[in-house]
Protein backbone atom coordinates (compact mmCIF):
# COMPACT_ATOMS: atom_id res chain seq x y z
CA MET A 1 -0.57 -87.91 -93.23
CA PRO A 2 2.81 -86.96 -94.20
CA ASP A 3 5.48 -89.15 -92.44
CA LEU A 4 7.09 -86.53 -90.25
CA ASP A 5 10.74 -87.34 -88.71
CA PHE A 6 9.94 -87.01 -85.38
CA ALA A 7 13.15 -88.25 -83.82
CA GLY A 8 15.18 -86.12 -86.23
CA LEU A 9 13.23 -83.20 -85.58
CA ASP A 10 13.07 -83.62 -81.73
CA ARG A 11 16.96 -83.92 -81.61
CA ALA A 12 17.70 -81.11 -83.74
CA ALA A 13 15.50 -79.02 -81.46
CA GLN A 14 17.06 -80.17 -78.31
CA ALA A 15 20.30 -79.28 -79.47
CA ALA A 16 19.82 -75.31 -79.29
CA PHE A 17 23.45 -74.75 -77.71
CA LYS A 18 25.84 -77.88 -79.54
CA PRO A 19 29.49 -76.90 -79.86
CA ASP A 20 30.45 -74.97 -83.21
CA PHE A 21 32.23 -78.37 -84.15
CA THR A 22 29.02 -80.58 -83.41
CA GLU A 23 27.51 -78.87 -85.55
CA VAL A 24 29.78 -78.72 -88.59
CA ARG A 25 30.55 -81.78 -88.02
CA ARG A 26 26.44 -82.74 -88.31
CA ARG A 27 26.18 -80.51 -91.72
CA ALA A 28 29.07 -82.28 -92.97
CA ALA A 29 27.36 -86.05 -92.69
CA ARG A 30 24.32 -84.49 -93.81
CA ARG A 31 25.94 -83.64 -96.87
CA ARG A 32 27.34 -86.68 -97.49
CA ARG A 33 24.16 -88.30 -97.10
CA THR A 34 21.89 -86.43 -98.77
CA ARG A 35 18.99 -88.37 -98.28
CA LEU A 36 18.17 -92.15 -97.75
CA ALA A 37 15.73 -93.99 -99.82
CA ALA A 38 14.11 -95.48 -97.15
CA ALA A 39 13.05 -93.44 -93.92
CA SER A 40 12.68 -94.76 -90.83
CA MET A 41 9.58 -93.29 -90.49
CA ALA A 42 7.98 -94.79 -93.50
CA THR A 43 8.46 -97.71 -91.30
CA LEU A 44 6.79 -96.49 -88.44
CA SER A 45 3.86 -95.40 -90.51
CA LEU A 46 3.57 -98.69 -91.47
CA VAL A 47 3.07 -100.06 -87.58
CA ALA A 48 0.93 -96.87 -86.45
CA VAL A 49 -2.21 -99.18 -87.90
CA ALA A 50 -5.51 -97.52 -87.28
CA GLY A 51 -6.23 -98.81 -84.63
CA ALA A 52 -3.58 -97.22 -82.63
CA ALA A 53 -3.78 -93.89 -83.47
CA VAL A 54 -5.88 -91.38 -80.98
CA ALA A 55 -9.70 -91.34 -81.01
CA SER A 56 -11.14 -87.75 -81.34
CA GLY A 57 -11.63 -86.01 -78.34
CA GLY A 58 -13.22 -82.75 -76.81
CA LEU A 59 -11.00 -79.89 -75.32
CA ARG A 60 -8.72 -81.47 -72.53
CA ASP A 61 -7.02 -78.91 -69.79
CA ALA A 62 -3.62 -79.10 -69.90
CA ASN A 63 -2.12 -78.80 -66.10
CA PRO A 64 -2.28 -75.89 -64.11
CA GLN A 65 0.00 -73.36 -65.43
CA VAL A 66 3.71 -72.71 -63.57
CA SER A 67 4.78 -68.86 -64.06
CA VAL A 68 8.31 -68.77 -65.32
CA PRO A 69 10.61 -65.82 -64.77
CA GLY A 70 11.60 -63.75 -67.77
CA PHE A 71 14.97 -64.05 -69.55
CA GLY A 72 17.73 -64.38 -67.45
CA GLY A 73 20.29 -62.11 -69.15
CA THR A 74 19.66 -58.61 -69.72
CA SER A 75 21.89 -58.02 -72.97
CA THR A 76 21.22 -58.73 -76.55
CA PRO A 77 23.50 -62.03 -77.71
CA PRO A 78 25.68 -61.86 -80.87
CA PHE A 79 23.76 -62.23 -83.55
CA ILE A 80 25.72 -65.58 -84.41
CA PRO A 81 27.53 -66.31 -81.50
CA THR A 82 30.03 -69.15 -80.36
CA ALA A 83 28.71 -71.89 -78.85
CA ALA A 84 29.23 -72.08 -75.32
CA PRO A 85 31.83 -75.04 -73.87
CA SER A 86 28.77 -77.20 -72.76
CA GLY A 87 25.29 -78.02 -74.50
CA THR A 88 22.26 -79.48 -73.83
CA PRO A 89 20.43 -80.80 -72.00
CA SER A 90 20.93 -78.45 -69.07
CA PRO A 91 21.93 -79.79 -65.71
CA LEU A 92 19.20 -78.36 -63.22
CA PRO A 93 20.41 -77.85 -59.14
CA THR A 94 17.83 -81.28 -58.52
CA THR A 95 20.14 -84.51 -58.49
CA GLY A 96 19.15 -86.06 -62.37
CA ARG A 97 16.59 -83.58 -63.37
CA THR A 98 17.05 -82.09 -66.71
CA VAL A 99 15.99 -79.29 -69.35
CA ARG A 100 15.89 -79.86 -73.24
CA ARG A 101 14.72 -76.67 -75.37
CA GLY A 102 13.16 -76.80 -78.27
CA SER A 103 13.07 -73.76 -80.90
CA VAL A 104 11.00 -70.57 -80.24
CA VAL A 105 7.78 -70.20 -82.55
CA ALA A 106 5.73 -67.05 -83.02
CA GLY A 107 1.86 -66.46 -83.27
CA ASP A 108 2.37 -62.82 -84.39
CA LEU A 109 4.54 -60.02 -82.58
CA ASP A 110 3.10 -60.45 -79.16
CA HIS A 111 2.59 -64.12 -78.87
CA PHE A 112 5.73 -66.54 -78.81
CA TYR A 113 5.72 -69.77 -77.87
CA LEU A 114 8.86 -72.48 -76.75
CA ARG A 115 8.38 -76.48 -76.95
CA TRP A 116 10.31 -77.91 -73.85
CA SER A 117 10.95 -81.19 -71.58
CA ASP A 118 11.31 -81.76 -68.05
CA CYS A 119 13.55 -85.04 -67.77
CA ARG A 120 14.51 -86.77 -64.77
CA GLY A 121 16.97 -89.51 -64.76
CA ASP A 122 20.33 -90.71 -64.61
CA GLY A 123 21.14 -87.54 -66.66
CA PRO A 124 24.34 -86.77 -69.08
CA ALA A 125 26.31 -88.22 -67.28
CA MET A 126 25.77 -91.74 -68.25
CA ILE A 127 26.18 -91.10 -71.40
CA ALA A 128 29.88 -89.94 -71.14
CA SER A 129 30.69 -92.54 -68.34
CA ALA A 130 29.11 -95.53 -70.53
CA GLY A 131 28.62 -94.42 -73.54
CA VAL A 132 24.53 -95.46 -73.32
CA GLU A 133 21.83 -93.19 -73.57
CA PRO A 134 20.89 -92.59 -70.79
CA PRO A 135 16.80 -93.94 -69.32
CA VAL A 136 14.92 -90.55 -68.85
CA ASP A 137 11.11 -89.72 -68.36
CA CYS A 138 10.38 -86.27 -70.17
CA ALA A 139 7.32 -84.38 -69.08
CA LEU A 140 6.47 -82.49 -72.90
CA MET A 141 5.81 -78.75 -71.72
CA VAL A 142 4.94 -75.30 -73.77
CA ALA A 143 6.03 -72.00 -72.42
CA GLY A 144 4.44 -69.22 -73.95
CA THR A 145 4.04 -65.23 -73.43
CA ALA A 146 1.80 -62.58 -74.78
CA ASP A 147 4.12 -59.16 -74.27
CA ARG A 148 6.84 -60.30 -76.11
CA GLY A 149 8.77 -61.78 -73.59
CA ALA A 150 8.46 -60.14 -70.25
CA THR A 151 6.23 -62.62 -68.48
CA TRP A 152 5.46 -66.46 -69.47
CA GLN A 153 3.55 -69.26 -68.37
CA SER A 154 4.34 -72.93 -68.71
CA ARG A 155 2.11 -75.45 -69.08
CA GLU A 156 2.40 -79.32 -69.50
CA LEU A 157 0.91 -80.59 -72.56
CA PRO A 158 -1.75 -83.43 -72.19
CA LEU A 159 0.90 -85.96 -73.92
CA PRO A 160 2.73 -89.51 -73.36
CA ARG A 161 5.89 -88.89 -71.39
CA ASN A 162 8.57 -89.00 -73.87
CA ALA A 163 6.89 -88.27 -77.15
CA HIS A 164 7.90 -86.47 -79.74
CA VAL A 165 6.33 -83.49 -80.37
CA VAL A 166 6.90 -80.79 -83.30
CA LEU A 167 5.14 -77.78 -82.27
CA ALA A 168 3.55 -74.95 -84.74
CA ALA A 169 1.87 -71.67 -84.42
CA ALA A 170 -1.04 -71.12 -87.17
CA GLY A 171 -2.15 -67.67 -85.31
CA PRO A 172 -1.03 -65.69 -81.85
CA ARG A 173 -2.91 -67.85 -79.57
CA THR A 174 -3.42 -71.02 -82.22
CA LEU A 175 -1.12 -73.74 -81.54
CA ILE A 176 -0.32 -76.98 -83.71
CA ALA A 177 1.36 -80.17 -82.10
CA SER A 178 2.02 -83.42 -83.83
CA TYR A 179 3.32 -86.01 -81.73
CA GLN A 180 4.71 -89.40 -81.97
CA ASP A 181 5.34 -91.60 -78.62
CA GLY A 182 7.87 -92.99 -77.52
CA SER A 183 7.19 -96.45 -78.70
CA GLY A 184 6.67 -94.74 -82.20
CA MET A 185 3.26 -96.95 -82.12
CA ARG A 186 0.78 -93.87 -81.36
CA GLN A 187 0.61 -90.50 -83.06
CA GLY A 188 -1.95 -87.90 -82.98
CA TRP A 189 -2.77 -83.98 -83.72
CA LEU A 190 -3.65 -81.55 -81.14
CA ALA A 191 -4.85 -78.09 -81.61
CA SER A 192 -5.25 -75.47 -78.32
CA VAL A 193 -6.93 -71.68 -79.54
CA ASP A 194 -6.33 -70.27 -76.32
CA GLY A 195 -2.12 -70.07 -76.20
CA GLY A 196 -1.75 -73.57 -74.51
CA GLU A 197 -4.30 -73.56 -71.96
CA ARG A 198 -6.30 -76.49 -73.04
CA TRP A 199 -6.03 -78.67 -75.91
CA ARG A 200 -8.44 -80.95 -77.82
CA GLU A 201 -7.12 -83.95 -80.49
CA VAL A 202 -7.69 -83.14 -83.99
CA THR A 203 -8.66 -85.15 -87.42
CA VAL A 204 -6.08 -84.20 -90.19
CA GLY A 205 -8.46 -83.65 -93.17
CA THR A 206 -7.51 -83.31 -96.69
CA ALA A 207 -7.77 -80.58 -99.22
CA SER A 208 -7.56 -79.99 -102.99
CA ARG A 209 -5.71 -76.61 -101.93
CA VAL A 210 -5.12 -74.10 -98.72
CA PRO A 211 -8.16 -72.47 -98.01
CA ASP A 212 -7.87 -68.68 -97.97
CA GLY A 213 -6.87 -67.27 -94.50
CA TRP A 214 -5.09 -70.41 -93.45
CA ARG A 215 -1.46 -70.62 -92.35
CA VAL A 216 1.12 -73.15 -94.37
CA LEU A 217 3.05 -74.87 -91.33
CA ASP A 218 6.26 -75.24 -92.71
CA GLU A 219 7.20 -76.99 -89.68
CA LEU A 220 4.89 -79.67 -90.09
CA SER A 221 6.15 -79.98 -93.87
CA ARG A 222 9.46 -80.91 -93.16
CA PRO A 223 12.04 -82.75 -93.67
CA HIS A 224 11.10 -82.96 -97.74
CA ILE A 225 7.68 -82.20 -98.24
CA ASP A 226 5.15 -84.68 -100.07
CA ALA A 227 2.19 -82.53 -98.98
CA ILE A 228 1.53 -79.38 -97.07
CA VAL A 229 0.05 -78.74 -93.94
CA ALA A 230 -1.91 -76.05 -93.66
CA ALA A 231 -3.94 -74.54 -90.23
CA ASN A 232 -6.94 -72.43 -89.36
CA PRO A 233 -5.74 -69.68 -86.97
CA VAL A 234 -9.17 -69.26 -85.53
CA THR A 235 -10.20 -72.86 -85.53
CA GLY A 236 -7.11 -74.48 -85.13
CA ASP A 237 -8.69 -77.43 -87.78
CA VAL A 238 -5.61 -78.97 -89.90
CA VAL A 239 -5.66 -80.35 -93.52
CA ARG A 240 -3.21 -81.47 -95.86
CA VAL A 241 -2.65 -80.61 -99.77
CA THR A 242 -1.41 -83.85 -101.13
CA HIS A 243 -1.11 -82.18 -104.75
CA THR A 244 2.38 -80.88 -104.33
CA ALA A 245 4.50 -79.48 -107.37
CA GLY A 246 6.35 -82.98 -107.97
CA LEU A 247 9.95 -81.91 -107.44
CA LYS A 248 12.47 -84.25 -105.53
CA LEU A 249 13.56 -83.94 -102.25
CA ALA A 250 11.62 -80.79 -102.36
CA THR A 251 11.51 -78.22 -99.72
CA LEU A 252 9.04 -75.18 -98.23
CA VAL A 253 10.17 -72.25 -98.53
CA ASP A 254 8.71 -70.39 -95.65
CA ASP A 255 9.73 -66.79 -95.78
CA VAL A 256 7.59 -65.92 -98.56
CA PRO A 257 5.08 -63.37 -97.09
CA PRO A 258 1.17 -64.50 -97.53
CA GLY A 259 -0.67 -63.49 -101.29
CA ALA A 260 2.68 -64.32 -102.55
CA GLY A 261 2.18 -67.98 -103.34
CA ILE A 262 3.07 -70.91 -102.29
CA TRP A 263 7.07 -71.74 -103.12
CA VAL A 264 9.03 -74.96 -102.96
CA SER A 265 12.60 -75.55 -103.60
CA GLY A 266 13.87 -79.09 -105.10
CA TYR A 267 15.07 -80.95 -108.48
CA GLU A 268 13.51 -82.62 -111.28
CA ASN A 269 15.08 -85.62 -111.14
CA GLU A 270 16.79 -87.49 -107.88
CA ASP A 271 19.42 -91.01 -108.63
CA THR A 272 20.40 -93.21 -106.28
CA GLU A 273 23.59 -93.97 -105.42
CA PRO A 274 25.67 -97.29 -105.05
CA ASP A 275 25.23 -97.13 -101.04
CA GLY A 276 21.79 -96.05 -101.16
CA ARG A 277 21.93 -92.18 -101.27
CA LEU A 278 19.27 -89.96 -102.97
CA VAL A 279 20.81 -87.30 -105.20
CA GLY A 280 19.39 -84.29 -106.68
CA ARG A 281 19.46 -83.68 -110.32
CA GLY A 282 18.79 -80.28 -111.62
CA SER A 283 17.69 -77.26 -109.32
CA ALA A 284 14.14 -75.99 -109.53
CA ILE A 285 11.45 -74.44 -107.82
CA ALA A 286 7.66 -74.04 -108.27
CA VAL A 287 5.12 -71.93 -107.26
CA SER A 288 1.51 -72.19 -106.98
CA ARG A 289 -0.84 -69.29 -106.85
CA ASP A 290 -3.99 -71.07 -106.22
CA GLY A 291 -3.43 -73.02 -102.61
CA GLY A 292 -1.33 -75.83 -103.81
CA ARG A 293 -3.77 -77.12 -106.44
CA THR A 294 -2.13 -76.49 -109.76
CA TRP A 295 1.92 -75.42 -110.31
CA THR A 296 4.42 -73.74 -112.29
CA ARG A 297 8.12 -74.49 -112.09
CA HIS A 298 11.46 -73.53 -113.72
CA VAL A 299 14.86 -75.46 -114.11
CA PHE A 300 17.97 -73.83 -113.53
CA ALA A 301 21.47 -74.52 -115.78
CA GLY A 302 24.25 -76.21 -113.30
CA ARG A 303 24.72 -77.30 -110.44
CA LEU A 304 23.04 -74.85 -108.65
CA THR A 305 22.71 -75.79 -104.25
CA ALA A 306 21.84 -73.31 -100.97
CA GLY A 307 23.39 -76.25 -98.91
CA GLU A 308 22.35 -78.21 -96.81
CA ASP A 309 19.94 -80.68 -99.05
CA VAL A 310 18.67 -77.34 -100.10
CA ALA A 311 18.29 -76.91 -103.85
CA LEU A 312 17.50 -73.24 -104.21
CA ASP A 313 16.27 -70.29 -101.53
CA VAL A 314 14.03 -68.24 -102.86
CA ALA A 315 13.23 -64.61 -101.89
CA THR A 316 10.44 -62.19 -102.73
CA ARG A 317 8.18 -59.21 -101.33
CA ASP A 318 5.30 -59.26 -103.61
CA GLY A 319 5.28 -62.71 -105.12
CA ARG A 320 6.18 -60.86 -108.56
CA THR A 321 9.63 -59.91 -108.10
CA VAL A 322 11.60 -63.29 -107.10
CA TYR A 323 15.29 -64.11 -107.13
CA ALA A 324 15.91 -67.59 -107.01
CA VAL A 325 19.34 -68.28 -104.48
CA GLY A 326 21.98 -70.75 -104.62
CA SER A 327 26.15 -71.06 -105.40
CA ILE A 328 28.19 -73.06 -108.20
CA ASP A 329 31.80 -74.09 -107.17
CA GLY A 330 31.73 -71.82 -104.21
CA THR A 331 30.30 -68.38 -106.07
CA LEU A 332 27.27 -66.80 -105.58
CA VAL A 333 24.42 -67.19 -108.71
CA VAL A 334 21.52 -65.12 -108.24
CA HIS A 335 18.48 -65.62 -110.74
CA ARG A 336 15.44 -62.77 -111.23
CA SER A 337 12.37 -62.85 -112.22
CA GLY A 338 10.19 -60.18 -112.52
CA ASP A 339 7.11 -62.06 -113.65
CA GLY A 340 6.27 -64.09 -110.91
CA GLY A 341 8.81 -66.86 -112.12
CA LEU A 342 7.66 -67.70 -115.48
CA THR A 343 10.80 -66.31 -117.16
CA TRP A 344 14.46 -65.48 -115.41
CA ARG A 345 17.35 -64.15 -116.14
CA ARG A 346 20.57 -64.26 -114.46
CA ALA A 347 22.11 -61.40 -112.28
CA ALA A 348 25.07 -60.03 -112.93
CA GLY A 349 26.42 -59.88 -109.04
CA THR A 350 28.12 -62.61 -107.54
CA ALA A 351 30.54 -63.42 -104.50
CA ASP A 352 33.44 -65.83 -103.13
CA VAL A 353 30.69 -68.10 -100.53
CA GLY A 354 32.57 -71.24 -100.76
CA ASP A 355 30.40 -74.12 -99.31
CA ARG A 356 27.97 -72.00 -96.66
CA PRO A 357 24.70 -72.64 -96.59
CA LEU A 358 22.89 -69.35 -98.10
CA ARG A 359 19.34 -67.89 -97.10
CA ALA A 360 18.03 -64.74 -98.89
CA SER A 361 15.18 -61.76 -98.30
CA VAL A 362 13.95 -58.98 -99.98
CA ARG A 363 13.22 -55.67 -97.65
CA ALA A 364 10.57 -53.50 -98.41
CA ASP A 365 12.90 -51.10 -99.96
CA GLY A 366 13.61 -54.02 -102.62
CA THR A 367 16.86 -54.77 -101.28
CA LEU A 368 17.75 -58.00 -101.51
CA LEU A 369 20.07 -59.27 -98.60
CA VAL A 370 21.90 -62.92 -98.59
CA GLN A 371 23.42 -64.65 -95.52
CA ALA A 372 26.35 -67.33 -96.19
CA GLY A 373 26.86 -68.85 -93.61
CA LEU A 374 24.33 -70.14 -90.31
CA VAL A 375 26.75 -70.68 -87.14
CA ALA A 376 29.93 -69.24 -86.05
CA GLY A 377 31.85 -72.54 -87.41
CA ASP A 378 30.93 -71.29 -90.96
CA ARG A 379 32.33 -67.66 -90.85
CA PRO A 380 29.38 -66.02 -92.20
CA LEU A 381 29.23 -63.70 -94.80
CA MET A 382 25.97 -61.03 -95.45
CA PHE A 383 25.96 -59.14 -98.64
CA SER A 384 23.66 -56.64 -99.66
CA SER A 385 21.92 -55.39 -103.56
CA GLY A 386 20.37 -52.43 -104.10
CA ASP A 387 19.68 -52.98 -108.05
CA GLY A 388 18.24 -56.00 -108.44
CA GLY A 389 21.54 -58.56 -108.11
CA GLN A 390 23.82 -56.73 -110.20
CA ARG A 391 25.85 -55.53 -107.86
CA PHE A 392 26.33 -57.20 -104.24
CA PHE A 393 27.96 -55.22 -101.18
CA PRO A 394 29.53 -57.23 -98.05
CA MET A 395 27.86 -55.87 -95.17
CA GLU A 396 27.81 -56.88 -91.22
CA PRO A 397 26.07 -60.16 -90.40
CA ALA A 398 22.79 -59.27 -89.26
CA PRO A 399 19.40 -60.39 -88.91
CA GLY A 400 17.19 -59.84 -91.70
CA ALA A 401 18.04 -62.48 -94.61
CA ALA A 402 16.11 -66.06 -93.37
CA VAL A 403 13.15 -63.67 -92.11
CA VAL A 404 9.98 -65.60 -91.47
CA PRO A 405 6.58 -63.07 -91.99
CA VAL A 406 4.16 -63.18 -89.19
CA PRO A 407 0.99 -61.01 -88.42
CA GLY A 408 2.59 -57.50 -87.48
CA GLY A 409 6.22 -58.08 -89.01
CA TYR A 410 8.64 -60.83 -88.75
CA THR A 411 10.74 -63.30 -87.04
CA GLN A 412 14.09 -65.15 -87.49
CA SER A 413 15.79 -68.18 -85.38
CA GLY A 414 17.96 -67.13 -83.22
CA GLY A 415 20.42 -70.25 -84.47
CA PRO A 416 21.71 -73.17 -82.71
CA HIS A 417 23.68 -71.85 -79.92
CA VAL A 418 20.64 -69.17 -79.02
CA ALA A 419 17.25 -69.84 -76.55
CA GLY A 420 15.62 -66.99 -78.29
CA MET A 421 14.74 -65.32 -81.31
CA TRP A 422 14.45 -61.87 -83.15
CA TRP A 423 11.88 -59.87 -84.39
CA SER A 424 10.94 -56.70 -86.23
CA ALA A 425 8.32 -54.96 -87.45
CA ASP A 426 9.27 -54.05 -90.65
CA GLY A 427 12.79 -56.13 -91.49
CA VAL A 428 15.14 -53.42 -91.10
CA ALA A 429 15.60 -52.71 -87.04
CA TRP A 430 15.79 -55.68 -84.91
CA SER A 431 15.17 -56.95 -81.54
CA PHE A 432 15.85 -59.76 -79.79
CA LEU A 433 13.30 -61.75 -77.43
CA GLY A 434 15.06 -64.27 -75.04
CA ALA A 435 13.78 -67.81 -74.11
CA PRO A 436 12.66 -68.05 -70.55
CA ASP A 437 14.56 -69.44 -67.56
CA LEU A 438 13.18 -73.10 -67.17
CA PRO A 439 12.11 -74.53 -65.25
């Protein structure tokens, strides 16, 4: 199985309301270090021997469901809000109890799920007073809604307490959870096909290609892919496709519609710096149109980057008209392909974006949207082009440039300072779904 950075993903998911300066500092450090040649999860994988793995089993009922109210606020938050002074974990009225929220994932435009932790311990005060991590005891929970947030149900995952969990939706009511216990000695996978009411342990299979109709799970292919993970949206079965594009520091592009191919962004080569950092050289993208069995790739000239360790962002609606979006020395650079990535030309349009991370998507009418900056500390910018990237016009930042296709429409993350998700049936008109009050 691919090595998942559970601890890193879990910390990132729990930091849903970090102040801007914390977010900026984290991303600055990430730019400096890129990736260490020996990741900590690789070490954990060596000690997670087969005998410690969870044996396959039948369906397991989660703890009884608990009704939770809908989103506490009535107003739609700003698209990119300024963080509140205090961050997660948020203390509950009960002394020594905290809630840690993860990210919202979507099965379709009606079904949304939130992974969260109900923790008991000495709480954040101990961190401030002693500068050490407090002892906590966390139950892993999943809250779900089948009516776009009008009502939610919350259930406990049948997992060891304090486990690290990555949750993904493979279908409207099909959930996949990849977990590792707090000691790092036990890891496994769970699947639910009824919205989290019951779970079964699954063994990840291998395949030469992603089977037709299966959903590629970007959440379980991070941070840098060495395999593509996909799940059956009906049965919850999981496979990994080990044949990848061969790019270094590769990331899966998650905003490409089904049928438009599997797209990967990365580098042609990587160098190891004297301090052990891995640095990518030669920004490239690759596409597979047969489920990951074979790949076509293209390397671009110049030191293109989309920021935050991403070589380029890829935007396409149909898999034929494709845009590769990045920047060079703070200037937006867009390459366009009209034949599915076989040939490329640089578009004439440009804009000043600084060192902001970039995201891009294509609307149904062919308009290319580019968002520069993801949090308020970036002072985000947004641009649109209706002529294939020949000209870019500034616009007010709004959802639409970092969308993820789901059955029935599109979603976009609310960002690190918002407990919720944006959704749209057409990618133009957007509504906000807030996370439930917890617990």
